[in-house]
PDB file of N, CA and C in Angstrom:
ATOM      1  N   ILE A   1       8.316 -16.121 -13.634  1.00  0.00           N
ATOM      2  CA  ILE A   1       7.046 -15.538 -14.094  1.00  0.00           C
ATOM      3  C   ILE A   1       6.686 -16.113 -15.466  1.00  0.00           C
ATOM      4  N   ASP A   2       5.483 -16.604 -15.595  1.00  0.00           N
ATOM      5  CA  ASP A   2       5.071 -17.165 -16.888  1.00  0.00           C
ATOM      6  C   ASP A   2       4.718 -16.045 -17.870  1.00  0.00           C
ATOM      7  N   ALA A   3       4.602 -16.398 -19.139  1.00  0.00           N
ATOM      8  CA  ALA A   3       4.263 -15.391 -20.157  1.00  0.00           C
ATOM      9  C   ALA A   3       2.959 -14.698 -19.774  1.00  0.00           C
ATOM     10  N   ASP A   4       1.950 -15.489 -19.408  1.00  0.00           N
ATOM     11  CA  ASP A   4       0.663 -14.905 -19.021  1.00  0.00           C
ATOM     12  C   ASP A   4       0.835 -14.022 -17.793  1.00  0.00           C
ATOM     13  N   GLY A   5       1.599 -14.491 -16.837  1.00  0.00           N
ATOM     14  CA  GLY A   5       1.809 -13.726 -15.612  1.00  0.00           C
ATOM     15  C   GLY A   5       2.468 -12.392 -15.918  1.00  0.00           C
ATOM     16  N   GLU A   6       3.449 -12.426 -16.827  1.00  0.00           N
ATOM     17  CA  GLU A   6       4.141 -11.184 -17.167  1.00  0.00           C
ATOM     18  C   GLU A   6       3.169 -10.205 -17.815  1.00  0.00           C
ATOM     19  N   THR A   7       2.343 -10.719 -18.716  1.00  0.00           N
ATOM     20  CA  THR A   7       1.371  -9.859 -19.397  1.00  0.00           C
ATOM     21  C   THR A   7       0.405  -9.255 -18.382  1.00  0.00           C
ATOM     22  N   ARG A   8      -0.067 -10.077 -17.460  1.00  0.00           N
ATOM     23  CA  ARG A   8      -1.011  -9.584 -16.443  1.00  0.00           C
ATOM     24  C   ARG A   8      -0.334  -8.518 -15.600  1.00  0.00           C
ATOM     25  N   SER A   9       0.939  -8.730 -15.257  1.00  0.00           N
ATOM     26  CA  SER A   9       1.662  -7.760 -14.442  1.00  0.00           C
ATOM     27  C   SER A   9       1.736  -6.425 -15.174  1.00  0.00           C
ATOM     28  N   LYS A  10       2.067  -6.471 -16.465  1.00  0.00           N
ATOM     29  CA  LYS A  10       2.172  -5.234 -17.239  1.00  0.00           C
ATOM     30  C   LYS A  10       0.809  -4.557 -17.309  1.00  0.00           C
ATOM     31  N   SER A  11      -0.230  -5.321 -17.652  1.00  0.00           N
ATOM     32  CA  SER A  11      -1.575  -4.753 -17.763  1.00  0.00           C
ATOM     33  C   SER A  11      -1.994  -4.153 -16.427  1.00  0.00           C
ATOM     34  N   ARG A  12      -1.726  -4.878 -15.350  1.00  0.00           N
ATOM     35  CA  ARG A  12      -2.108  -4.400 -14.025  1.00  0.00           C
ATOM     36  C   ARG A  12      -1.388  -3.087 -13.721  1.00  0.00           C
ATOM     37  N   THR A  13      -0.085  -3.037 -14.054  1.00  0.00           N
ATOM     38  CA  THR A  13       0.681  -1.818 -13.791  1.00  0.00           C
ATOM     39  C   THR A  13       0.132  -0.663 -14.619  1.00  0.00           C
ATOM     40  N   LEU A  14      -0.167  -0.927 -15.882  1.00  0.00           N
ATOM     41  CA  LEU A  14      -0.681   0.134 -16.748  1.00  0.00           C
ATOM     42  C   LEU A  14      -2.043   0.604 -16.249  1.00  0.00           C
ATOM     43  N   LYS A  15      -2.887  -0.333 -15.826  1.00  0.00           N
ATOM     44  CA  LYS A  15      -4.222   0.043 -15.349  1.00  0.00           C
ATOM     45  C   LYS A  15      -4.129   0.796 -14.026  1.00  0.00           C
ATOM     46  N   GLU A  16      -3.559   0.149 -13.017  1.00  0.00           N
ATOM     47  CA  GLU A  16      -3.482   0.773 -11.692  1.00  0.00           C
ATOM     48  C   GLU A  16      -2.395   1.842 -11.661  1.00  0.00           C
ATOM     49  N   LYS A  17      -1.507   1.797 -12.694  1.00  0.00           N
ATOM     50  CA  LYS A  17      -0.387   2.748 -12.731  1.00  0.00           C
ATOM     51  C   LYS A  17       0.420   2.631 -11.449  1.00  0.00           C
ATOM     52  N   GLU A  18       0.625   1.389 -11.019  1.00  0.00           N
ATOM     53  CA  GLU A  18       1.446   1.161  -9.821  1.00  0.00           C
ATOM     54  C   GLU A  18       2.535   0.162 -10.165  1.00  0.00           C
ATOM     55  N   TYR A  19       3.732   0.394  -9.668  1.00  0.00           N
ATOM     56  CA  TYR A  19       4.833  -0.519  -9.975  1.00  0.00           C
ATOM     57  C   TYR A  19       4.772  -1.711  -9.034  1.00  0.00           C
ATOM     58  N   THR A  20       5.033  -2.891  -9.573  1.00  0.00           N
ATOM     59  CA  THR A  20       5.015  -4.092  -8.735  1.00  0.00           C
ATOM     60  C   THR A  20       6.392  -4.742  -8.779  1.00  0.00           C
ATOM     61  N   PRO A  21       6.913  -5.177  -7.660  1.00  0.00           N
ATOM     62  CA  PRO A  21       8.233  -5.822  -7.597  1.00  0.00           C
ATOM     63  C   PRO A  21       8.338  -6.967  -8.598  1.00  0.00           C
ATOM     64  N   GLU A  22       7.257  -7.712  -8.792  1.00  0.00           N
ATOM     65  CA  GLU A  22       7.279  -8.853  -9.714  1.00  0.00           C
ATOM     66  C   GLU A  22       7.378  -8.369 -11.155  1.00  0.00           C
ATOM     67  N   ASP A  23       6.876  -7.171 -11.429  1.00  0.00           N
ATOM     68  CA  ASP A  23       6.902  -6.658 -12.794  1.00  0.00           C
ATOM     69  C   ASP A  23       8.330  -6.283 -13.192  1.00  0.00           C
ATOM     70  N   LEU A  24       9.151  -5.907 -12.211  1.00  0.00           N
ATOM     71  CA  LEU A  24      10.532  -5.527 -12.510  1.00  0.00           C
ATOM     72  C   LEU A  24      11.352  -6.756 -12.870  1.00  0.00           C
ATOM     73  N   PRO A  25      12.356  -6.585 -13.721  1.00  0.00           N
ATOM     74  CA  PRO A  25      13.194  -7.710 -14.160  1.00  0.00           C
ATOM     75  C   PRO A  25      14.042  -8.257 -13.035  1.00  0.00           C
TER      76      PRO A  25
END
């Protein structure tokens, strides 16, 4: 996951409040 991708994953999780497998370490 790239830095931008990680940031998008976090933002997406915070916005949608849904956990994503890619967001997990």
